[in-house]
């Protein structure tokens, strides 16, 4: 027996067996149920994550307000720059949370 037909036959047998195993693992070709299950699981995370992002935005707003108040009382010249950076980041976080939630749900 030569090596080339033996290797070809072996490769064909492995391919046929692996295709049957893959077909059995996907539930008989029903991949739609798996995709729908994954979609349901991913979309169930949006509401808690949106609330978490709102909470982080609120904490950012409070920390920023304290920083700006401290600089304003100290008479620092870059109070406006600090206020814009802190409150801008808070507003950006809240807007991103809202847009992402409305885009994906």
N, C-alpha and C. Protein backbone atom coordinates (compact mmCIF):
# COMPACT_ATOMS: atom_id res chain seq x y z
N UNK A 1 0.84 -1.17 0.00
CA UNK A 1 0.00 0.00 0.00
C UNK A 1 0.89 1.24 0.00
N UNK A 2 0.62 2.16 -0.92
CA UNK A 2 1.43 3.36 -0.99
C UNK A 2 0.91 4.37 0.03
N UNK A 3 1.76 5.33 0.35
CA UNK A 3 1.43 6.30 1.39
C UNK A 3 0.39 7.32 0.96
N UNK A 4 0.41 7.75 -0.30
CA UNK A 4 -0.48 8.82 -0.73
C UNK A 4 -1.95 8.44 -0.66
N UNK A 5 -2.38 7.27 -1.19
CA UNK A 5 -3.79 6.91 -1.05
C UNK A 5 -4.20 6.66 0.40
N UNK A 6 -3.27 6.14 1.20
CA UNK A 6 -3.57 5.90 2.61
C UNK A 6 -3.82 7.21 3.34
N UNK A 7 -2.98 8.21 3.12
CA UNK A 7 -3.13 9.51 3.77
C UNK A 7 -4.40 10.20 3.28
N UNK A 8 -4.70 10.07 2.00
CA UNK A 8 -5.92 10.66 1.46
C UNK A 8 -7.15 10.01 2.07
N UNK A 9 -7.14 8.69 2.18
CA UNK A 9 -8.27 7.97 2.78
C UNK A 9 -8.42 8.33 4.25
N UNK A 10 -7.31 8.44 4.95
CA UNK A 10 -7.34 8.81 6.36
C UNK A 10 -7.88 10.22 6.54
N UNK A 11 -7.44 11.14 5.71
CA UNK A 11 -7.92 12.52 5.79
C UNK A 11 -9.42 12.60 5.50
N UNK A 12 -9.88 11.82 4.53
CA UNK A 12 -11.31 11.79 4.20
C UNK A 12 -12.13 11.22 5.35
N UNK A 13 -11.61 10.17 5.99
CA UNK A 13 -12.33 9.57 7.12
C UNK A 13 -12.41 10.54 8.30
N UNK A 14 -11.31 11.23 8.59
CA UNK A 14 -11.30 12.21 9.67
C UNK A 14 -12.26 13.36 9.37
N UNK A 15 -12.31 13.81 8.14
CA UNK A 15 -13.21 14.89 7.74
C UNK A 15 -14.67 14.47 7.90
N UNK A 16 -14.99 13.26 7.48
CA UNK A 16 -16.37 12.78 7.61
C UNK A 16 -16.78 12.63 9.07
N UNK A 17 -15.89 12.07 9.89
CA UNK A 17 -16.21 11.90 11.31
C UNK A 17 -16.32 13.24 12.03
N UNK A 18 -15.44 14.17 11.70
CA UNK A 18 -15.51 15.47 12.38
C UNK A 18 -16.75 16.26 11.96
N UNK A 19 -17.19 16.11 10.72
CA UNK A 19 -18.41 16.80 10.31
C UNK A 19 -19.61 16.26 11.06
N UNK A 20 -19.65 14.96 11.33
CA UNK A 20 -20.75 14.38 12.11
C UNK A 20 -20.71 14.86 13.55
N UNK A 21 -19.51 14.97 14.12
CA UNK A 21 -19.38 15.47 15.49
C UNK A 21 -19.81 16.93 15.59
N UNK A 22 -19.41 17.73 14.63
CA UNK A 22 -19.78 19.15 14.65
C UNK A 22 -21.28 19.32 14.46
N UNK A 23 -21.88 18.50 13.62
CA UNK A 23 -23.32 18.56 13.41
C UNK A 23 -24.05 18.16 14.70
N UNK A 24 -23.53 17.18 15.41
CA UNK A 24 -24.16 16.74 16.66
C UNK A 24 -24.02 17.79 17.75
N UNK A 25 -22.90 18.51 17.79
CA UNK A 25 -22.69 19.51 18.82
C UNK A 25 -23.54 20.75 18.62
N UNK A 26 -23.93 21.06 17.42
CA UNK A 26 -24.75 22.25 17.17
C UNK A 26 -26.22 21.94 17.38
N UNK A 27 -26.57 20.77 17.86
CA UNK A 27 -27.96 20.45 18.12
C UNK A 27 -28.70 20.08 16.86
N UNK A 28 -28.05 19.42 15.96
CA UNK A 28 -28.71 19.02 14.73
C UNK A 28 -28.85 20.15 13.74
N UNK A 29 -27.96 21.10 13.79
CA UNK A 29 -28.01 22.19 12.83
C UNK A 29 -28.87 23.36 13.28
N UNK A 30 -29.31 23.38 14.54
CA UNK A 30 -30.17 24.44 15.02
C UNK A 30 -29.33 25.52 15.69
N UNK A 31 -28.59 26.27 14.90
CA UNK A 31 -27.76 27.34 15.42
C UNK A 31 -28.55 28.59 15.75
N UNK A 32 -29.76 28.70 15.21
CA UNK A 32 -30.58 29.88 15.46
C UNK A 32 -30.95 30.00 16.93
N UNK A 33 -31.24 28.89 17.57
CA UNK A 33 -31.59 28.92 18.99
C UNK A 33 -30.40 29.39 19.83
N UNK A 34 -29.21 28.97 19.47
CA UNK A 34 -28.02 29.41 20.19
C UNK A 34 -27.77 30.89 20.02
N UNK A 35 -27.97 31.40 18.81
CA UNK A 35 -27.77 32.82 18.56
C UNK A 35 -28.80 33.64 19.32
N UNK A 36 -30.05 33.18 19.33
CA UNK A 36 -31.10 33.90 20.06
C UNK A 36 -30.83 33.88 21.56
N UNK A 37 -30.33 32.77 22.07
CA UNK A 37 -30.00 32.68 23.49
C UNK A 37 -28.87 33.64 23.84
N UNK A 38 -27.85 33.71 22.99
CA UNK A 38 -26.74 34.64 23.23
C UNK A 38 -27.22 36.09 23.17
N UNK A 39 -28.10 36.39 22.23
CA UNK A 39 -28.63 37.75 22.12
C UNK A 39 -29.42 38.11 23.36
N UNK A 40 -30.22 37.19 23.86
CA UNK A 40 -31.00 37.45 25.07
C UNK A 40 -30.09 37.68 26.27
N UNK A 41 -29.03 36.90 26.38
CA UNK A 41 -28.11 37.07 27.50
C UNK A 41 -27.38 38.40 27.43
N UNK A 42 -26.94 38.79 26.24
CA UNK A 42 -26.21 40.06 26.10
C UNK A 42 -27.12 41.25 26.36
N UNK A 43 -28.34 41.22 25.82
CA UNK A 43 -29.24 42.36 26.03
C UNK A 43 -29.73 42.45 27.46
N UNK A 44 -29.67 41.36 28.22
CA UNK A 44 -30.07 41.43 29.62
C UNK A 44 -29.06 42.21 30.46
N UNK A 45 -27.85 42.40 29.95
CA UNK A 45 -26.84 43.17 30.69
C UNK A 45 -26.96 44.67 30.48
N UNK A 46 -27.68 45.12 29.47
CA UNK A 46 -27.71 46.54 29.15
C UNK A 46 -28.33 47.38 30.25
N UNK A 47 -29.44 46.95 30.82
CA UNK A 47 -30.11 47.76 31.83
C UNK A 47 -29.26 47.94 33.08
N UNK A 48 -28.68 46.86 33.66
CA UNK A 48 -27.81 47.07 34.82
C UNK A 48 -26.56 47.88 34.50
N UNK A 49 -25.98 47.67 33.32
CA UNK A 49 -24.78 48.43 32.96
C UNK A 49 -25.10 49.90 32.73
N UNK A 50 -26.27 50.20 32.19
CA UNK A 50 -26.67 51.59 32.01
C UNK A 50 -26.83 52.26 33.36
N UNK A 51 -27.46 51.58 34.30
CA UNK A 51 -27.61 52.13 35.64
C UNK A 51 -26.25 52.33 36.32
N UNK A 52 -25.34 51.40 36.09
CA UNK A 52 -23.99 51.53 36.64
C UNK A 52 -23.28 52.74 36.05
N UNK A 53 -23.43 52.95 34.75
CA UNK A 53 -22.79 54.12 34.13
C UNK A 53 -23.40 55.42 34.64
N UNK A 54 -24.71 55.44 34.89
CA UNK A 54 -25.34 56.63 35.48
C UNK A 54 -24.79 56.88 36.89
N UNK A 55 -24.60 55.81 37.66
CA UNK A 55 -24.06 55.96 39.01
C UNK A 55 -22.62 56.48 38.97
N UNK A 56 -21.84 55.96 38.03
CA UNK A 56 -20.46 56.45 37.90
C UNK A 56 -20.47 57.92 37.48
N UNK A 57 -21.39 58.29 36.59
CA UNK A 57 -21.52 59.70 36.19
C UNK A 57 -21.89 60.60 37.36
N UNK A 58 -22.76 60.10 38.25
CA UNK A 58 -23.15 60.89 39.42
C UNK A 58 -21.97 61.07 40.37
N UNK A 59 -21.20 60.02 40.58
CA UNK A 59 -20.02 60.12 41.44
C UNK A 59 -19.00 61.07 40.81
N UNK A 60 -18.81 60.96 39.50
CA UNK A 60 -17.90 61.88 38.80
C UNK A 60 -18.35 63.32 38.97
N UNK A 61 -19.65 63.56 38.89
CA UNK A 61 -20.18 64.91 39.06
C UNK A 61 -19.92 65.45 40.46
N UNK A 62 -20.11 64.60 41.48
CA UNK A 62 -19.86 65.04 42.85
C UNK A 62 -18.38 65.32 43.10
N UNK A 63 -17.52 64.43 42.63
CA UNK A 63 -16.08 64.64 42.80
C UNK A 63 -15.64 65.90 42.06
N UNK A 64 -16.17 66.08 40.86
CA UNK A 64 -15.83 67.28 40.09
C UNK A 64 -16.31 68.54 40.77
N UNK A 65 -17.50 68.50 41.35
CA UNK A 65 -18.02 69.68 42.05
C UNK A 65 -17.15 70.03 43.25
N UNK A 66 -16.69 69.02 43.98
CA UNK A 66 -15.82 69.28 45.13
C UNK A 66 -14.49 69.85 44.68
N UNK A 67 -13.93 69.29 43.60
CA UNK A 67 -12.65 69.81 43.07
C UNK A 67 -12.80 71.26 42.61
N UNK A 68 -13.84 71.55 41.89
CA UNK A 68 -14.04 72.90 41.37
C UNK A 68 -14.28 73.87 42.53
N UNK A 69 -15.05 73.47 43.52
CA UNK A 69 -15.31 74.33 44.67
C UNK A 69 -14.02 74.62 45.42
N UNK A 70 -13.19 73.59 45.59
CA UNK A 70 -11.90 73.79 46.27
C UNK A 70 -11.00 74.76 45.51
N UNK A 71 -10.95 74.62 44.20
CA UNK A 71 -10.12 75.54 43.39
C UNK A 71 -10.69 76.94 43.41
N UNK A 72 -12.00 77.04 43.39
CA UNK A 72 -12.65 78.36 43.37
C UNK A 72 -12.41 79.09 44.69
N UNK A 73 -12.49 78.37 45.81
CA UNK A 73 -12.22 78.98 47.11
C UNK A 73 -10.75 79.36 47.27
N UNK A 74 -9.86 78.60 46.66
CA UNK A 74 -8.44 78.90 46.76
C UNK A 74 -8.04 80.04 45.84
N UNK A 75 -8.93 80.46 44.95
CA UNK A 75 -8.62 81.55 44.04
C UNK A 75 -7.74 81.13 42.87
N UNK A 76 -7.78 79.87 42.54
CA UNK A 76 -6.98 79.34 41.43
C UNK A 76 -7.48 79.90 40.10
N UNK A 77 -6.56 80.11 39.16
CA UNK A 77 -6.92 80.73 37.89
C UNK A 77 -7.55 79.75 36.89
N UNK A 78 -7.27 78.47 37.02
CA UNK A 78 -7.79 77.51 36.04
C UNK A 78 -9.04 76.78 36.54
N UNK A 79 -9.86 77.46 37.30
CA UNK A 79 -11.10 76.87 37.81
C UNK A 79 -12.05 76.51 36.68
N UNK A 80 -12.16 77.40 35.69
CA UNK A 80 -13.07 77.15 34.58
C UNK A 80 -12.63 75.91 33.79
N UNK A 81 -11.33 75.77 33.57
CA UNK A 81 -10.82 74.61 32.83
C UNK A 81 -11.12 73.31 33.58
N UNK A 82 -10.94 73.31 34.88
CA UNK A 82 -11.23 72.14 35.69
C UNK A 82 -12.72 71.81 35.67
N UNK A 83 -13.56 72.84 35.76
CA UNK A 83 -15.01 72.62 35.73
C UNK A 83 -15.45 72.01 34.40
N UNK A 84 -14.93 72.54 33.32
CA UNK A 84 -15.31 72.03 32.00
C UNK A 84 -14.85 70.59 31.83
N UNK A 85 -13.66 70.26 32.29
CA UNK A 85 -13.16 68.89 32.11
C UNK A 85 -13.95 67.89 32.95
N UNK A 86 -14.22 68.19 34.21
CA UNK A 86 -14.95 67.25 35.07
C UNK A 86 -16.39 67.10 34.62
N UNK A 87 -17.08 68.20 34.43
CA UNK A 87 -18.49 68.11 34.08
C UNK A 87 -18.69 67.65 32.64
N UNK A 88 -17.75 67.95 31.79
CA UNK A 88 -17.81 67.44 30.42
C UNK A 88 -17.68 65.93 30.38
N UNK A 89 -16.79 65.39 31.19
CA UNK A 89 -16.64 63.93 31.23
C UNK A 89 -17.88 63.27 31.83
N UNK A 90 -18.48 63.89 32.82
CA UNK A 90 -19.70 63.33 33.41
C UNK A 90 -20.84 63.33 32.38
N UNK A 91 -21.02 64.44 31.70
CA UNK A 91 -22.08 64.54 30.70
C UNK A 91 -21.83 63.57 29.55
N UNK A 92 -20.58 63.43 29.13
CA UNK A 92 -20.24 62.48 28.07
C UNK A 92 -20.59 61.05 28.48
N UNK A 93 -20.28 60.69 29.72
CA UNK A 93 -20.57 59.34 30.19
C UNK A 93 -22.08 59.07 30.21
N UNK A 94 -22.86 60.02 30.65
CA UNK A 94 -24.31 59.84 30.70
C UNK A 94 -24.89 59.76 29.29
N UNK A 95 -24.40 60.60 28.38
CA UNK A 95 -24.91 60.58 27.00
C UNK A 95 -24.53 59.26 26.32
N UNK A 96 -23.31 58.79 26.53
CA UNK A 96 -22.89 57.53 25.92
C UNK A 96 -23.74 56.38 26.44
N UNK A 97 -24.02 56.36 27.74
CA UNK A 97 -24.87 55.29 28.29
C UNK A 97 -26.26 55.31 27.66
N UNK A 98 -26.82 56.50 27.49
CA UNK A 98 -28.15 56.61 26.91
C UNK A 98 -28.15 56.20 25.44
N UNK A 99 -27.17 56.65 24.70
CA UNK A 99 -27.12 56.35 23.26
C UNK A 99 -26.87 54.86 23.03
N UNK A 100 -25.96 54.27 23.78
CA UNK A 100 -25.67 52.84 23.60
C UNK A 100 -26.90 52.01 23.94
N UNK A 101 -27.59 52.37 25.02
CA UNK A 101 -28.80 51.62 25.40
C UNK A 101 -29.89 51.76 24.33
N UNK A 102 -30.08 52.96 23.83
CA UNK A 102 -31.14 53.14 22.83
C UNK A 102 -30.74 52.54 21.48
N UNK A 103 -29.46 52.47 21.19
CA UNK A 103 -29.01 51.92 19.92
C UNK A 103 -29.15 50.40 19.89
N UNK A 104 -28.84 49.73 20.99
CA UNK A 104 -28.83 48.28 20.99
C UNK A 104 -30.13 47.65 21.46
N UNK A 105 -31.00 48.40 22.08
CA UNK A 105 -32.26 47.80 22.55
C UNK A 105 -33.43 48.24 21.76
